[in-house]
Amino acid sequence: MVLPYNLDNRNFPTQSTNVLLARTFEVQIEKSINEIVVFNIGKDNNDIGKVTKVEEQIVEIQTARTHPFYLNIDHIKTMHQV
């Protein structure tokens, strides 16, 4: 195996994950219900919170101040679980 940039294993500590990806982005988000996530790299404070519901292209997240916030799935660019 050839590592990028001619790095050796000591400088390239990758770890394989056991995360299985869903068929659609909506299903992947549904797998994160009751988990804290960061959408769109946290560009806006309302993009960080606990996923409470996914229904008909709308994701409901609960922010740190326990306010519900709604995002259209088509407007989500990235998702990272915390």
C-alpha atoms as a PDB file:
ATOM      1  CA  MET A   1       0.000   0.000   0.000  1.00  0.00           C
ATOM      2  CA  VAL A   2       1.326   3.401  -0.969  1.00  0.00           C
ATOM      3  CA  LEU A   3       0.531   6.199   1.468  1.00  0.00           C
ATOM      4  CA  PRO A   4      -0.130   9.742   0.231  1.00  0.00           C
ATOM      5  CA  TYR A   5       2.677  12.307   0.323  1.00  0.00           C
ATOM      6  CA  ASN A   6       5.169   9.479   0.828  1.00  0.00           C
ATOM      7  CA  LEU A   7       4.307   9.352   4.555  1.00  0.00           C
ATOM      8  CA  ASP A   8       5.051   6.339   6.698  1.00  0.00           C
ATOM      9  CA  ASN A   9       2.534   4.675   9.045  1.00  0.00           C
ATOM     10  CA  ARG A  10       3.877   6.629  12.016  1.00  0.00           C
ATOM     11  CA  ASN A  11       2.874   9.947  10.364  1.00  0.00           C
ATOM     12  CA  PHE A  12      -0.365   8.677   8.886  1.00  0.00           C
ATOM     13  CA  PRO A  13      -2.437   7.255  11.746  1.00  0.00           C
ATOM     14  CA  THR A  14      -5.662   6.211  10.082  1.00  0.00           C
ATOM     15  CA  GLN A  15      -8.209   4.011  11.736  1.00  0.00           C
ATOM     16  CA  SER A  16     -10.968   2.147  10.023  1.00  0.00           C
ATOM     17  CA  THR A  17     -14.432   2.695  11.393  1.00  0.00           C
ATOM     18  CA  ASN A  18     -17.360   0.354  11.668  1.00  0.00           C
ATOM     19  CA  VAL A  19     -19.855   3.051  10.709  1.00  0.00           C
ATOM     20  CA  LEU A  20     -22.280   1.810   8.113  1.00  0.00           C
ATOM     21  CA  LEU A  21     -23.689   4.358   5.715  1.00  0.00           C
ATOM     22  CA  ALA A  22     -27.379   4.383   4.877  1.00  0.00           C
ATOM     23  CA  ARG A  23     -28.823   4.418   1.375  1.00  0.00           C
ATOM     24  CA  THR A  24     -29.997   8.021   1.651  1.00  0.00           C
ATOM     25  CA  PHE A  25     -28.872  11.061   3.580  1.00  0.00           C
ATOM     26  CA  GLU A  26     -32.300  11.271   5.251  1.00  0.00           C
ATOM     27  CA  VAL A  27     -31.963   7.729   6.627  1.00  0.00           C
ATOM     28  CA  GLN A  28     -28.416   8.515   7.783  1.00  0.00           C
ATOM     29  CA  ILE A  29     -29.749  11.499   9.735  1.00  0.00           C
ATOM     30  CA  GLU A  30     -32.568   9.364  11.174  1.00  0.00           C
ATOM     31  CA  LYS A  31     -29.897   7.029  12.571  1.00  0.00           C
ATOM     32  CA  SER A  32     -28.665  10.037  14.583  1.00  0.00           C
ATOM     33  CA  ILE A  33     -31.928  10.701  16.439  1.00  0.00           C
ATOM     34  CA  ASN A  34     -31.182  11.545  20.101  1.00  0.00           C
ATOM     35  CA  GLU A  35     -27.525  12.169  19.204  1.00  0.00           C
ATOM     36  CA  ILE A  36     -25.734  15.521  19.163  1.00  0.00           C
ATOM     37  CA  VAL A  37     -24.653  16.509  15.666  1.00  0.00           C
ATOM     38  CA  VAL A  38     -23.038  19.427  13.870  1.00  0.00           C
ATOM     39  CA  PHE A  39     -24.574  20.339  10.529  1.00  0.00           C
ATOM     40  CA  ASN A  40     -22.789  22.475   7.943  1.00  0.00           C
ATOM     41  CA  ILE A  41     -19.583  22.550  10.005  1.00  0.00           C
ATOM     42  CA  GLY A  42     -21.348  24.617  12.700  1.00  0.00           C
ATOM     43  CA  LYS A  43     -21.496  27.712  10.499  1.00  0.00           C
ATOM     44  CA  ASP A  44     -24.506  28.921  12.466  1.00  0.00           C
ATOM     45  CA  ASN A  45     -25.160  28.250  16.166  1.00  0.00           C
ATOM     46  CA  ASN A  46     -28.497  26.713  15.207  1.00  0.00           C
ATOM     47  CA  ASP A  47     -26.662  24.046  13.185  1.00  0.00           C
ATOM     48  CA  ILE A  48     -25.476  22.335  16.386  1.00  0.00           C
ATOM     49  CA  GLY A  49     -27.811  20.285  18.560  1.00  0.00           C
ATOM     50  CA  LYS A  50     -29.592  17.033  19.319  1.00  0.00           C
ATOM     51  CA  VAL A  51     -31.595  15.521  16.464  1.00  0.00           C
ATOM     52  CA  THR A  52     -35.116  14.998  17.769  1.00  0.00           C
ATOM     53  CA  LYS A  53     -37.141  14.214  14.646  1.00  0.00           C
ATOM     54  CA  VAL A  54     -36.810  13.706  10.889  1.00  0.00           C
ATOM     55  CA  GLU A  55     -39.999  13.987   8.920  1.00  0.00           C
ATOM     56  CA  GLU A  56     -40.691  14.742   5.254  1.00  0.00           C
ATOM     57  CA  GLN A  57     -37.327  16.385   4.444  1.00  0.00           C
ATOM     58  CA  ILE A  58     -37.346  18.423   7.681  1.00  0.00           C
ATOM     59  CA  VAL A  59     -34.901  17.790  10.524  1.00  0.00           C
ATOM     60  CA  GLU A  60     -35.809  19.063  13.991  1.00  0.00           C
ATOM     61  CA  ILE A  61     -32.874  19.692  16.284  1.00  0.00           C
ATOM     62  CA  GLN A  62     -32.853  20.913  19.859  1.00  0.00           C
ATOM     63  CA  THR A  63     -30.230  23.591  20.447  1.00  0.00           C
ATOM     64  CA  ALA A  64     -28.194  24.019  23.629  1.00  0.00           C
ATOM     65  CA  ARG A  65     -30.841  26.428  24.934  1.00  0.00           C
ATOM     66  CA  THR A  66     -33.506  23.721  24.328  1.00  0.00           C
ATOM     67  CA  HIS A  67     -35.133  25.659  21.496  1.00  0.00           C
ATOM     68  CA  PRO A  68     -36.332  23.602  18.543  1.00  0.00           C
ATOM     69  CA  PHE A  69     -34.790  24.511  15.203  1.00  0.00           C
ATOM     70  CA  TYR A  70     -35.828  23.139  11.824  1.00  0.00           C
ATOM     71  CA  LEU A  71     -33.594  22.459   8.838  1.00  0.00           C
ATOM     72  CA  ASN A  72     -34.527  21.378   5.348  1.00  0.00           C
ATOM     73  CA  ILE A  73     -32.454  18.311   4.447  1.00  0.00           C
ATOM     74  CA  ASP A  74     -31.699  19.847   1.039  1.00  0.00           C
ATOM     75  CA  HIS A  75     -29.914  22.720   2.826  1.00  0.00           C
ATOM     76  CA  ILE A  76     -27.627  20.458   4.866  1.00  0.00           C
ATOM     77  CA  LYS A  77     -24.170  20.110   3.359  1.00  0.00           C
ATOM     78  CA  THR A  78     -22.338  18.144   6.072  1.00  0.00           C
ATOM     79  CA  MET A  79     -23.173  16.187   9.202  1.00  0.00           C
ATOM     80  CA  HIS A  80     -20.806  15.179  11.986  1.00  0.00           C
ATOM     81  CA  GLN A  81     -21.760  13.294  15.140  1.00  0.00           C
ATOM     82  CA  VAL A  82     -20.261  14.626  18.355  1.00  0.00           C
END
